[in-house]
PDB file of N, CA and C in Angstrom:
ATOM      1  N   GLN A   1     -90.356  25.983  55.462  1.00  0.00           N
ATOM      2  CA  GLN A   1     -89.148  25.704  54.693  1.00  0.00           C
ATOM      3  C   GLN A   1     -89.189  24.261  54.198  1.00  0.00           C
ATOM      4  N   VAL A   2     -89.009  24.104  52.887  1.00  0.00           N
ATOM      5  CA  VAL A   2     -89.051  22.770  52.290  1.00  0.00           C
ATOM      6  C   VAL A   2     -87.702  22.095  52.467  1.00  0.00           C
ATOM      7  N   GLN A   3     -87.743  20.857  52.910  1.00  0.00           N
ATOM      8  CA  GLN A   3     -86.520  20.065  53.023  1.00  0.00           C
ATOM      9  C   GLN A   3     -86.757  18.689  52.425  1.00  0.00           C
ATOM     10  N   LEU A   4     -85.796  18.241  51.623  1.00  0.00           N
ATOM     11  CA  LEU A   4     -85.786  16.884  51.082  1.00  0.00           C
ATOM     12  C   LEU A   4     -84.455  16.269  51.482  1.00  0.00           C
ATOM     13  N   VAL A   5     -84.517  15.190  52.238  1.00  0.00           N
ATOM     14  CA  VAL A   5     -83.292  14.580  52.743  1.00  0.00           C
ATOM     15  C   VAL A   5     -83.198  13.156  52.220  1.00  0.00           C
ATOM     16  N   GLU A   6     -82.213  12.929  51.345  1.00  0.00           N
ATOM     17  CA  GLU A   6     -81.994  11.609  50.766  1.00  0.00           C
ATOM     18  C   GLU A   6     -81.055  10.795  51.652  1.00  0.00           C
ATOM     19  N   SER A   7     -81.214   9.495  51.583  1.00  0.00           N
ATOM     20  CA  SER A   7     -80.316   8.578  52.279  1.00  0.00           C
ATOM     21  C   SER A   7     -80.341   7.242  51.565  1.00  0.00           C
ATOM     22  N   GLY A   8     -79.382   6.385  51.897  1.00  0.00           N
ATOM     23  CA  GLY A   8     -79.373   5.035  51.362  1.00  0.00           C
ATOM     24  C   GLY A   8     -78.353   4.776  50.281  1.00  0.00           C
ATOM     25  N   GLY A   9     -77.644   5.789  49.858  1.00  0.00           N
ATOM     26  CA  GLY A   9     -76.624   5.573  48.836  1.00  0.00           C
ATOM     27  C   GLY A   9     -75.415   4.836  49.395  1.00  0.00           C
ATOM     28  N   GLY A  10     -74.510   4.457  48.499  1.00  0.00           N
ATOM     29  CA  GLY A  10     -73.313   3.771  48.934  1.00  0.00           C
ATOM     30  C   GLY A  10     -72.640   3.037  47.806  1.00  0.00           C
ATOM     31  N   LEU A  11     -71.723   2.169  48.177  1.00  0.00           N
ATOM     32  CA  LEU A  11     -70.972   1.349  47.228  1.00  0.00           C
ATOM     33  C   LEU A  11     -71.564  -0.050  47.207  1.00  0.00           C
ATOM     34  N   VAL A  12     -71.843  -0.538  46.006  1.00  0.00           N
ATOM     35  CA  VAL A  12     -72.427  -1.869  45.862  1.00  0.00           C
ATOM     36  C   VAL A  12     -71.798  -2.541  44.651  1.00  0.00           C
ATOM     37  N   GLN A  13     -71.715  -3.848  44.687  1.00  0.00           N
ATOM     38  CA  GLN A  13     -71.160  -4.593  43.561  1.00  0.00           C
ATOM     39  C   GLN A  13     -72.192  -4.728  42.449  1.00  0.00           C
ATOM     40  N   PRO A  14     -71.746  -4.903  41.227  1.00  0.00           N
ATOM     41  CA  PRO A  14     -72.687  -5.141  40.128  1.00  0.00           C
ATOM     42  C   PRO A  14     -73.599  -6.327  40.450  1.00  0.00           C
ATOM     43  N   GLY A  15     -74.880  -6.157  40.129  1.00  0.00           N
ATOM     44  CA  GLY A  15     -75.872  -7.172  40.446  1.00  0.00           C
ATOM     45  C   GLY A  15     -76.515  -7.001  41.810  1.00  0.00           C
ATOM     46  N   GLY A  16     -75.977  -6.101  42.603  1.00  0.00           N
ATOM     47  CA  GLY A  16     -76.500  -5.868  43.951  1.00  0.00           C
ATOM     48  C   GLY A  16     -77.695  -4.940  43.965  1.00  0.00           C
ATOM     49  N   SER A  17     -78.144  -4.643  45.191  1.00  0.00           N
ATOM     50  CA  SER A  17     -79.339  -3.816  45.377  1.00  0.00           C
ATOM     51  C   SER A  17     -79.072  -2.719  46.405  1.00  0.00           C
ATOM     52  N   LEU A  18     -79.810  -1.641  46.242  1.00  0.00           N
ATOM     53  CA  LEU A  18     -79.834  -0.559  47.220  1.00  0.00           C
ATOM     54  C   LEU A  18     -81.241   0.007  47.267  1.00  0.00           C
ATOM     55  N   ARG A  19     -81.611   0.568  48.411  1.00  0.00           N
ATOM     56  CA  ARG A  19     -82.863   1.298  48.503  1.00  0.00           C
ATOM     57  C   ARG A  19     -82.583   2.716  48.980  1.00  0.00           C
ATOM     58  N   LEU A  20     -82.959   3.667  48.140  1.00  0.00           N
ATOM     59  CA  LEU A  20     -82.829   5.074  48.500  1.00  0.00           C
ATOM     60  C   LEU A  20     -84.127   5.566  49.140  1.00  0.00           C
ATOM     61  N   SER A  21     -83.964   6.481  50.074  1.00  0.00           N
ATOM     62  CA  SER A  21     -85.111   7.109  50.722  1.00  0.00           C
ATOM     63  C   SER A  21     -84.994   8.623  50.611  1.00  0.00           C
ATOM     64  N   CYS A  22     -86.123   9.281  50.544  1.00  0.00           N
ATOM     65  CA  CYS A  22     -86.158  10.746  50.537  1.00  0.00           C
ATOM     66  C   CYS A  22     -87.278  11.180  51.461  1.00  0.00           C
ATOM     67  N   ALA A  23     -86.903  11.783  52.574  1.00  0.00           N
ATOM     68  CA  ALA A  23     -87.883  12.260  53.544  1.00  0.00           C
ATOM     69  C   ALA A  23     -88.159  13.737  53.292  1.00  0.00           C
ATOM     70  N   ALA A  24     -89.434  14.062  53.138  1.00  0.00           N
ATOM     71  CA  ALA A  24     -89.836  15.426  52.804  1.00  0.00           C
ATOM     72  C   ALA A  24     -90.507  16.115  53.983  1.00  0.00           C
ATOM     73  N   SER A  25     -90.286  17.420  54.070  1.00  0.00           N
ATOM     74  CA  SER A  25     -90.969  18.237  55.068  1.00  0.00           C
ATOM     75  C   SER A  25     -91.211  19.617  54.477  1.00  0.00           C
ATOM     76  N   GLY A  26     -92.214  20.298  55.002  1.00  0.00           N
ATOM     77  CA  GLY A  26     -92.504  21.646  54.523  1.00  0.00           C
ATOM     78  C   GLY A  26     -93.387  21.698  53.296  1.00  0.00           C
ATOM     79  N   ILE A  27     -93.893  20.544  52.850  1.00  0.00           N
ATOM     80  CA  ILE A  27     -94.803  20.481  51.711  1.00  0.00           C
ATOM     81  C   ILE A  27     -95.987  19.592  52.065  1.00  0.00           C
ATOM     82  N   THR A  28     -97.062  19.738  51.283  1.00  0.00           N
ATOM     83  CA  THR A  28     -98.194  18.821  51.428  1.00  0.00           C
ATOM     84  C   THR A  28     -97.866  17.581  50.613  1.00  0.00           C
ATOM     85  N   PHE A  29     -97.271  16.613  51.284  1.00  0.00           N
ATOM     86  CA  PHE A  29     -96.680  15.480  50.574  1.00  0.00           C
ATOM     87  C   PHE A  29     -97.704  14.716  49.753  1.00  0.00           C
ATOM     88  N   THR A  30     -98.911  14.558  50.281  1.00  0.00           N
ATOM     89  CA  THR A  30     -99.912  13.746  49.578  1.00  0.00           C
ATOM     90  C   THR A  30    -100.318  14.349  48.248  1.00  0.00           C
ATOM     91  N   GLY A  31    -100.124  15.653  48.089  1.00  0.00           N
ATOM     92  CA  GLY A  31    -100.491  16.318  46.851  1.00  0.00           C
ATOM     93  C   GLY A  31     -99.332  16.572  45.912  1.00  0.00           C
ATOM     94  N   THR A  32     -98.213  15.943  46.179  1.00  0.00           N
ATOM     95  CA  THR A  32     -96.963  16.266  45.478  1.00  0.00           C
ATOM     96  C   THR A  32     -96.475  15.108  44.622  1.00  0.00           C
ATOM     97  N   THR A  33     -96.151  15.410  43.381  1.00  0.00           N
ATOM     98  CA  THR A  33     -95.446  14.439  42.538  1.00  0.00           C
ATOM     99  C   THR A  33     -93.989  14.388  42.974  1.00  0.00           C
ATOM    100  N   MET A  34     -93.483  13.188  43.175  1.00  0.00           N
ATOM    101  CA  MET A  34     -92.104  12.996  43.616  1.00  0.00           C
ATOM    102  C   MET A  34     -91.320  12.251  42.535  1.00  0.00           C
ATOM    103  N   SER A  35     -90.068  12.627  42.395  1.00  0.00           N
ATOM    104  CA  SER A  35     -89.242  12.026  41.350  1.00  0.00           C
ATOM    105  C   SER A  35     -87.847  11.746  41.872  1.00  0.00           C
ATOM    106  N   TRP A  36     -87.189  10.824  41.204  1.00  0.00           N
ATOM    107  CA  TRP A  36     -85.757  10.592  41.401  1.00  0.00           C
ATOM    108  C   TRP A  36     -85.054  10.912  40.083  1.00  0.00           C
ATOM    109  N   TYR A  37     -83.989  11.671  40.197  1.00  0.00           N
ATOM    110  CA  TYR A  37     -83.112  11.972  39.075  1.00  0.00           C
ATOM    111  C   TYR A  37     -81.718  11.471  39.431  1.00  0.00           C
ATOM    112  N   ARG A  38     -80.874  11.401  38.412  1.00  0.00           N
ATOM    113  CA  ARG A  38     -79.472  11.073  38.672  1.00  0.00           C
ATOM    114  C   ARG A  38     -78.578  11.850  37.710  1.00  0.00           C
ATOM    115  N   GLN A  39     -77.359  12.060  38.172  1.00  0.00           N
ATOM    116  CA  GLN A  39     -76.372  12.751  37.351  1.00  0.00           C
ATOM    117  C   GLN A  39     -75.037  12.064  37.504  1.00  0.00           C
ATOM    118  N   ALA A  40     -74.560  11.529  36.392  1.00  0.00           N
ATOM    119  CA  ALA A  40     -73.247  10.898  36.352  1.00  0.00           C
ATOM    120  C   ALA A  40     -72.209  11.947  35.966  1.00  0.00           C
ATOM    121  N   PRO A  41     -70.939  11.706  36.310  1.00  0.00           N
ATOM    122  CA  PRO A  41     -69.890  12.687  35.972  1.00  0.00           C
ATOM    123  C   PRO A  41     -69.870  12.985  34.482  1.00  0.00           C
ATOM    124  N   GLY A  42     -69.874  14.261  34.151  1.00  0.00           N
ATOM    125  CA  GLY A  42     -69.803  14.672  32.762  1.00  0.00           C
ATOM    126  C   GLY A  42     -71.091  14.531  31.974  1.00  0.00           C
ATOM    127  N   LYS A  43     -72.165  14.152  32.647  1.00  0.00           N
ATOM    128  CA  LYS A  43     -73.446  13.966  31.959  1.00  0.00           C
ATOM    129  C   LYS A  43     -74.511  14.874  32.559  1.00  0.00           C
ATOM    130  N   GLN A  44     -75.584  15.048  31.784  1.00  0.00           N
ATOM    131  CA  GLN A  44     -76.690  15.861  32.271  1.00  0.00           C
ATOM    132  C   GLN A  44     -77.521  15.069  33.276  1.00  0.00           C
ATOM    133  N   ARG A  45     -78.194  15.806  34.124  1.00  0.00           N
ATOM    134  CA  ARG A  45     -79.102  15.173  35.073  1.00  0.00           C
ATOM    135  C   ARG A  45     -80.274  14.585  34.294  1.00  0.00           C
ATOM    136  N   GLU A  46     -80.663  13.360  34.643  1.00  0.00           N
ATOM    137  CA  GLU A  46     -81.737  12.692  33.927  1.00  0.00           C
ATOM    138  C   GLU A  46     -82.776  12.126  34.893  1.00  0.00           C
ATOM    139  N   LEU A  47     -84.013  12.084  34.395  1.00  0.00           N
ATOM    140  CA  LEU A  47     -85.096  11.509  35.185  1.00  0.00           C
ATOM    141  C   LEU A  47     -84.937   9.992  35.249  1.00  0.00           C
ATOM    142  N   VAL A  48     -85.039   9.455  36.445  1.00  0.00           N
ATOM    143  CA  VAL A  48     -84.973   8.011  36.646  1.00  0.00           C
ATOM    144  C   VAL A  48     -86.376   7.434  36.824  1.00  0.00           C
ATOM    145  N   ALA A  49     -87.156   8.033  37.720  1.00  0.00           N
ATOM    146  CA  ALA A  49     -88.496   7.521  38.008  1.00  0.00           C
ATOM    147  C   ALA A  49     -89.324   8.628  38.634  1.00  0.00           C
ATOM    148  N   ARG A  50     -90.645   8.504  38.462  1.00  0.00           N
ATOM    149  CA  ARG A  50     -91.554   9.515  38.975  1.00  0.00           C
ATOM    150  C   ARG A  50     -92.808   8.827  39.497  1.00  0.00           C
ATOM    151  N   ILE A  51     -93.366   9.362  40.562  1.00  0.00           N
ATOM    152  CA  ILE A  51     -94.620   8.844  41.104  1.00  0.00           C
ATOM    153  C   ILE A  51     -95.529  10.030  41.405  1.00  0.00           C
ATOM    154  N   THR A  52     -96.740   9.982  40.868  1.00  0.00           N
ATOM    155  CA  THR A  52     -97.682  11.078  41.069  1.00  0.00           C
ATOM    156  C   THR A  52     -98.395  10.930  42.409  1.00  0.00           C
ATOM    157  N   ARG A  53     -99.216  11.922  42.733  1.00  0.00           N
ATOM    158  CA  ARG A  53     -99.935  11.873  44.011  1.00  0.00           C
ATOM    159  C   ARG A  53    -100.945  10.720  44.024  1.00  0.00           C
ATOM    160  N   SER A  54    -101.378  10.300  42.837  1.00  0.00           N
ATOM    161  CA  SER A  54    -102.320   9.183  42.767  1.00  0.00           C
ATOM    162  C   SER A  54    -101.619   7.829  42.741  1.00  0.00           C
ATOM    163  N   GLY A  55    -100.288   7.854  42.663  1.00  0.00           N
ATOM    164  CA  GLY A  55     -99.543   6.602  42.664  1.00  0.00           C
ATOM    165  C   GLY A  55     -99.132   6.101  41.294  1.00  0.00           C
ATOM    166  N   SER A  56     -99.462   6.844  40.255  1.00  0.00           N
ATOM    167  CA  SER A  56     -99.009   6.446  38.920  1.00  0.00           C
ATOM    168  C   SER A  56     -97.499   6.630  38.819  1.00  0.00           C
ATOM    169  N   THR A  57     -96.863   5.715  38.113  1.00  0.00           N
ATOM    170  CA  THR A  57     -95.396   5.750  38.017  1.00  0.00           C
ATOM    171  C   THR A  57     -94.941   5.719  36.566  1.00  0.00           C
ATOM    172  N   ASP A  58     -93.770   6.255  36.334  1.00  0.00           N
ATOM    173  CA  ASP A  58     -93.094   6.038  35.058  1.00  0.00           C
ATOM    174  C   ASP A  58     -91.592   6.026  35.296  1.00  0.00           C
ATOM    175  N   TYR A  59     -90.889   5.383  34.361  1.00  0.00           N
ATOM    176  CA  TYR A  59     -89.476   5.097  34.528  1.00  0.00           C
ATOM    177  C   TYR A  59     -88.692   5.393  33.250  1.00  0.00           C
ATOM    178  N   ALA A  60     -87.427   5.692  33.426  1.00  0.00           N
ATOM    179  CA  ALA A  60     -86.525   5.758  32.289  1.00  0.00           C
ATOM    180  C   ALA A  60     -86.376   4.350  31.723  1.00  0.00           C
ATOM    181  N   ASP A  61     -86.226   4.252  30.414  1.00  0.00           N
ATOM    182  CA  ASP A  61     -86.094   2.935  29.778  1.00  0.00           C
ATOM    183  C   ASP A  61     -84.919   2.144  30.356  1.00  0.00           C
ATOM    184  N   SER A  62     -83.873   2.843  30.734  1.00  0.00           N
ATOM    185  CA  SER A  62     -82.657   2.172  31.205  1.00  0.00           C
ATOM    186  C   SER A  62     -82.841   1.474  32.553  1.00  0.00           C
ATOM    187  N   VAL A  63     -83.899   1.810  33.287  1.00  0.00           N
ATOM    188  CA  VAL A  63     -84.088   1.208  34.617  1.00  0.00           C
ATOM    189  C   VAL A  63     -85.359   0.383  34.724  1.00  0.00           C
ATOM    190  N   LYS A  64     -86.168   0.371  33.683  1.00  0.00           N
ATOM    191  CA  LYS A  64     -87.419  -0.393  33.726  1.00  0.00           C
ATOM    192  C   LYS A  64     -87.143  -1.856  34.030  1.00  0.00           C
ATOM    193  N   GLY A  65     -87.935  -2.397  34.953  1.00  0.00           N
ATOM    194  CA  GLY A  65     -87.773  -3.792  35.330  1.00  0.00           C
ATOM    195  C   GLY A  65     -86.727  -4.022  36.406  1.00  0.00           C
ATOM    196  N   ARG A  66     -85.927  -2.993  36.716  1.00  0.00           N
ATOM    197  CA  ARG A  66     -84.893  -3.128  37.743  1.00  0.00           C
ATOM    198  C   ARG A  66     -85.152  -2.209  38.938  1.00  0.00           C
ATOM    199  N   PHE A  67     -85.700  -1.035  38.685  1.00  0.00           N
ATOM    200  CA  PHE A  67     -85.950  -0.049  39.749  1.00  0.00           C
ATOM    201  C   PHE A  67     -87.446   0.067  39.999  1.00  0.00           C
ATOM    202  N   THR A  68     -87.782   0.342  41.253  1.00  0.00           N
ATOM    203  CA  THR A  68     -89.174   0.560  41.632  1.00  0.00           C
ATOM    204  C   THR A  68     -89.278   1.781  42.539  1.00  0.00           C
ATOM    205  N   ILE A  69     -90.126   2.723  42.141  1.00  0.00           N
ATOM    206  CA  ILE A  69     -90.385   3.893  42.977  1.00  0.00           C
ATOM    207  C   ILE A  69     -91.673   3.670  43.758  1.00  0.00           C
ATOM    208  N   SER A  70     -91.679   4.105  45.003  1.00  0.00           N
ATOM    209  CA  SER A  70     -92.877   3.973  45.826  1.00  0.00           C
ATOM    210  C   SER A  70     -92.914   5.126  46.825  1.00  0.00           C
ATOM    211  N   ARG A  71     -94.053   5.294  47.450  1.00  0.00           N
ATOM    212  CA  ARG A  71     -94.194   6.376  48.416  1.00  0.00           C
ATOM    213  C   ARG A  71     -94.981   5.904  49.625  1.00  0.00           C
ATOM    214  N   ASP A  72     -94.644   6.478  50.772  1.00  0.00           N
ATOM    215  CA  ASP A  72     -95.367   6.222  52.005  1.00  0.00           C
ATOM    216  C   ASP A  72     -95.863   7.574  52.491  1.00  0.00           C
ATOM    217  N   ASN A  73     -97.119   7.866  52.233  1.00  0.00           N
ATOM    218  CA  ASN A  73     -97.653   9.180  52.571  1.00  0.00           C
ATOM    219  C   ASN A  73     -97.714   9.411  54.085  1.00  0.00           C
ATOM    220  N   ALA A  74     -97.818   8.339  54.845  1.00  0.00           N
ATOM    221  CA  ALA A  74     -97.848   8.482  56.306  1.00  0.00           C
ATOM    222  C   ALA A  74     -96.496   8.939  56.851  1.00  0.00           C
ATOM    223  N   LYS A  75     -95.425   8.619  56.109  1.00  0.00           N
ATOM    224  CA  LYS A  75     -94.074   8.984  56.543  1.00  0.00           C
ATOM    225  C   LYS A  75     -93.482  10.129  55.721  1.00  0.00           C
ATOM    226  N   ASN A  76     -94.262  10.666  54.780  1.00  0.00           N
ATOM    227  CA  ASN A  76     -93.758  11.735  53.894  1.00  0.00           C
ATOM    228  C   ASN A  76     -92.444  11.331  53.232  1.00  0.00           C
ATOM    229  N   THR A  77     -92.400  10.101  52.757  1.00  0.00           N
ATOM    230  CA  THR A  77     -91.160   9.552  52.223  1.00  0.00           C
ATOM    231  C   THR A  77     -91.402   8.857  50.888  1.00  0.00           C
ATOM    232  N   VAL A  78     -90.466   9.060  49.982  1.00  0.00           N
ATOM    233  CA  VAL A  78     -90.465   8.358  48.705  1.00  0.00           C
ATOM    234  C   VAL A  78     -89.214   7.480  48.666  1.00  0.00           C
ATOM    235  N   TYR A  79     -89.367   6.324  48.043  1.00  0.00           N
ATOM    236  CA  TYR A  79     -88.295   5.335  47.987  1.00  0.00           C
ATOM    237  C   TYR A  79     -87.939   5.021  46.542  1.00  0.00           C
ATOM    238  N   LEU A  80     -86.720   4.551  46.352  1.00  0.00           N
ATOM    239  CA  LEU A  80     -86.298   4.014  45.069  1.00  0.00           C
ATOM    240  C   LEU A  80     -85.564   2.709  45.356  1.00  0.00           C
ATOM    241  N   GLN A  81     -86.234   1.607  45.065  1.00  0.00           N
ATOM    242  CA  GLN A  81     -85.609   0.292  45.200  1.00  0.00           C
ATOM    243  C   GLN A  81     -84.870  -0.008  43.914  1.00  0.00           C
ATOM    244  N   MET A  82     -83.580  -0.240  44.016  1.00  0.00           N
ATOM    245  CA  MET A  82     -82.736  -0.455  42.854  1.00  0.00           C
ATOM    246  C   MET A  82     -82.153  -1.859  42.924  1.00  0.00           C
ATOM    247  N   ASN A  83     -82.514  -2.684  41.964  1.00  0.00           N
ATOM    248  CA  ASN A  83     -82.028  -4.063  41.903  1.00  0.00           C
ATOM    249  C   ASN A  83     -81.190  -4.269  40.652  1.00  0.00           C
ATOM    250  N   THR A  84     -80.443  -5.328  40.651  1.00  0.00           N
ATOM    251  CA  THR A  84     -79.601  -5.691  39.502  1.00  0.00           C
ATOM    252  C   THR A  84     -78.801  -4.480  39.029  1.00  0.00           C
ATOM    253  N   LEU A  85     -78.130  -3.858  39.954  1.00  0.00           N
ATOM    254  CA  LEU A  85     -77.406  -2.624  39.636  1.00  0.00           C
ATOM    255  C   LEU A  85     -76.243  -2.889  38.689  1.00  0.00           C
ATOM    256  N   LYS A  86     -75.998  -1.913  37.823  1.00  0.00           N
ATOM    257  CA  LYS A  86     -74.942  -1.991  36.829  1.00  0.00           C
ATOM    258  C   LYS A  86     -73.960  -0.837  37.054  1.00  0.00           C
ATOM    259  N   PRO A  87     -72.731  -0.982  36.575  1.00  0.00           N
ATOM    260  CA  PRO A  87     -71.777   0.130  36.714  1.00  0.00           C
ATOM    261  C   PRO A  87     -72.302   1.439  36.133  1.00  0.00           C
ATOM    262  N   GLU A  88     -73.089   1.350  35.080  1.00  0.00           N
ATOM    263  CA  GLU A  88     -73.628   2.566  34.463  1.00  0.00           C
ATOM    264  C   GLU A  88     -74.706   3.241  35.301  1.00  0.00           C
ATOM    265  N   ASP A  89     -75.119   2.611  36.386  1.00  0.00           N
ATOM    266  CA  ASP A  89     -76.052   3.261  37.316  1.00  0.00           C
ATOM    267  C   ASP A  89     -75.323   4.180  38.299  1.00  0.00           C
ATOM    268  N   THR A  90     -74.000   4.161  38.265  1.00  0.00           N
ATOM    269  CA  THR A  90     -73.217   5.018  39.142  1.00  0.00           C
ATOM    270  C   THR A  90     -73.518   6.485  38.862  1.00  0.00           C
ATOM    271  N   ALA A  91     -73.912   7.201  39.905  1.00  0.00           N
ATOM    272  CA  ALA A  91     -74.293   8.609  39.756  1.00  0.00           C
ATOM    273  C   ALA A  91     -74.644   9.169  41.135  1.00  0.00           C
ATOM    274  N   VAL A  92     -74.827  10.469  41.171  1.00  0.00           N
ATOM    275  CA  VAL A  92     -75.455  11.093  42.332  1.00  0.00           C
ATOM    276  C   VAL A  92     -76.958  11.090  42.068  1.00  0.00           C
ATOM    277  N   TYR A  93     -77.712  10.578  43.002  1.00  0.00           N
ATOM    278  CA  TYR A  93     -79.161  10.477  42.866  1.00  0.00           C
ATOM    279  C   TYR A  93     -79.818  11.582  43.683  1.00  0.00           C
ATOM    280  N   TYR A  94     -80.751  12.273  43.026  1.00  0.00           N
ATOM    281  CA  TYR A  94     -81.429  13.406  43.637  1.00  0.00           C
ATOM    282  C   TYR A  94     -82.927  13.155  43.722  1.00  0.00           C
ATOM    283  N   CYS A  95     -83.506  13.588  44.801  1.00  0.00           N
ATOM    284  CA  CYS A  95     -84.947  13.563  44.987  1.00  0.00           C
ATOM    285  C   CYS A  95     -85.505  14.927  44.580  1.00  0.00           C
ATOM    286  N   LYS A  96     -86.640  14.932  43.918  1.00  0.00           N
ATOM    287  CA  LYS A  96     -87.278  16.170  43.504  1.00  0.00           C
ATOM    288  C   LYS A  96     -88.745  16.138  43.876  1.00  0.00           C
ATOM    289  N   ALA A  97     -89.237  17.268  44.368  1.00  0.00           N
ATOM    290  CA  ALA A  97     -90.653  17.405  44.707  1.00  0.00           C
ATOM    291  C   ALA A  97     -91.293  18.476  43.847  1.00  0.00           C
ATOM    292  N   ASN A  98     -92.444  18.185  43.293  1.00  0.00           N
ATOM    293  CA  ASN A  98     -93.228  19.152  42.530  1.00  0.00           C
ATOM    294  C   ASN A  98     -94.594  19.321  43.186  1.00  0.00           C
ATOM    295  N   PRO A  99     -94.695  20.233  44.134  1.00  0.00           N
ATOM    296  CA  PRO A  99     -95.995  20.458  44.758  1.00  0.00           C
ATOM    297  C   PRO A  99     -97.012  21.048  43.778  1.00  0.00           C
ATOM    298  N   SER A 100     -96.504  21.718  42.734  1.00  0.00           N
ATOM    299  CA  SER A 100     -97.385  22.279  41.723  1.00  0.00           C
ATOM    300  C   SER A 100     -96.584  22.350  40.421  1.00  0.00           C
ATOM    301  N   PRO A 101     -97.262  22.615  39.299  1.00  0.00           N
ATOM    302  CA  PRO A 101     -96.516  22.766  38.039  1.00  0.00           C
ATOM    303  C   PRO A 101     -95.563  23.959  38.046  1.00  0.00           C
ATOM    304  N   PHE A 102     -95.708  24.839  39.031  1.00  0.00           N
ATOM    305  CA  PHE A 102     -94.923  26.072  39.049  1.00  0.00           C
ATOM    306  C   PHE A 102     -93.858  26.089  40.123  1.00  0.00           C
ATOM    307  N   SER A 103     -93.716  25.007  40.854  1.00  0.00           N
ATOM    308  CA  SER A 103     -92.714  24.979  41.920  1.00  0.00           C
ATOM    309  C   SER A 103     -92.061  23.613  41.988  1.00  0.00           C
ATOM    310  N   SER A 104     -90.771  23.612  42.304  1.00  0.00           N
ATOM    311  CA  SER A 104     -90.047  22.366  42.470  1.00  0.00           C
ATOM    312  C   SER A 104     -88.925  22.569  43.476  1.00  0.00           C
ATOM    313  N   TYR A 105     -88.579  21.485  44.134  1.00  0.00           N
ATOM    314  CA  TYR A 105     -87.536  21.505  45.153  1.00  0.00           C
ATOM    315  C   TYR A 105     -86.670  20.268  44.981  1.00  0.00           C
ATOM    316  N   TRP A 106     -85.373  20.433  45.304  1.00  0.00           N
ATOM    317  CA  TRP A 106     -84.400  19.357  45.147  1.00  0.00           C
ATOM    318  C   TRP A 106     -83.760  19.020  46.488  1.00  0.00           C
ATOM    319  N   GLY A 107     -83.417  17.745  46.637  1.00  0.00           N
ATOM    320  CA  GLY A 107     -82.601  17.331  47.752  1.00  0.00           C
ATOM    321  C   GLY A 107     -81.138  17.567  47.446  1.00  0.00           C
ATOM    322  N   GLN A 108     -80.295  17.201  48.391  1.00  0.00           N
ATOM    323  CA  GLN A 108     -78.859  17.472  48.263  1.00  0.00           C
ATOM    324  C   GLN A 108     -78.135  16.391  47.475  1.00  0.00           C
ATOM    325  N   GLY A 109     -78.786  15.251  47.274  1.00  0.00           N
ATOM    326  CA  GLY A 109     -78.197  14.170  46.500  1.00  0.00           C
ATOM    327  C   GLY A 109     -77.510  13.133  47.371  1.00  0.00           C
ATOM    328  N   THR A 110     -77.471  11.908  46.857  1.00  0.00           N
ATOM    329  CA  THR A 110     -76.770  10.818  47.532  1.00  0.00           C
ATOM    330  C   THR A 110     -76.018  10.017  46.479  1.00  0.00           C
ATOM    331  N   GLN A 111     -74.788   9.683  46.784  1.00  0.00           N
ATOM    332  CA  GLN A 111     -73.912   9.004  45.816  1.00  0.00           C
ATOM    333  C   GLN A 111     -74.204   7.512  45.791  1.00  0.00           C
ATOM    334  N   VAL A 112     -74.356   6.991  44.580  1.00  0.00           N
ATOM    335  CA  VAL A 112     -74.459   5.553  44.358  1.00  0.00           C
ATOM    336  C   VAL A 112     -73.305   5.147  43.451  1.00  0.00           C
ATOM    337  N   THR A 113     -72.514   4.209  43.914  1.00  0.00           N
ATOM    338  CA  THR A 113     -71.373   3.715  43.141  1.00  0.00           C
ATOM    339  C   THR A 113     -71.508   2.208  42.983  1.00  0.00           C
ATOM    340  N   VAL A 114     -71.525   1.772  41.733  1.00  0.00           N
ATOM    341  CA  VAL A 114     -71.631   0.347  41.428  1.00  0.00           C
ATOM    342  C   VAL A 114     -70.298  -0.094  40.851  1.00  0.00           C
ATOM    343  N   SER A 115     -69.581  -0.891  41.620  1.00  0.00           N
ATOM    344  CA  SER A 115     -68.238  -1.274  41.205  1.00  0.00           C
ATOM    345  C   SER A 115     -67.811  -2.533  41.938  1.00  0.00           C
ATOM    346  N   SER A 116     -67.003  -3.334  41.256  1.00  0.00           N
ATOM    347  CA  SER A 116     -66.454  -4.521  41.900  1.00  0.00           C
ATOM    348  C   SER A 116     -65.081  -4.214  42.498  1.00  0.00           C
TER     349      SER A 116
END
């Protein structure tokens, strides 16, 4: 059974930082592309960052230079370091695993609120 468990969300002031974690089980983590998505109220879910099994990364233009995705294969965990947070970063953040082009799994989401 595949499980993705996100943690690290919360309330932070503009300009602050948070680090999200997603612990995976039930998949071959080293062979899996991992991604972070987010969904703000009334908006579609959007890709924030992605890291392939080889460590290649890509980011949404809105977070480039502020967010960093990384993975620890020994811990089956992917991280999203978020710096210089803005109110528009407020959303539910979801972890996604793609063990293959034909399968994907989602975590339950973690709320990030950027507000003074």
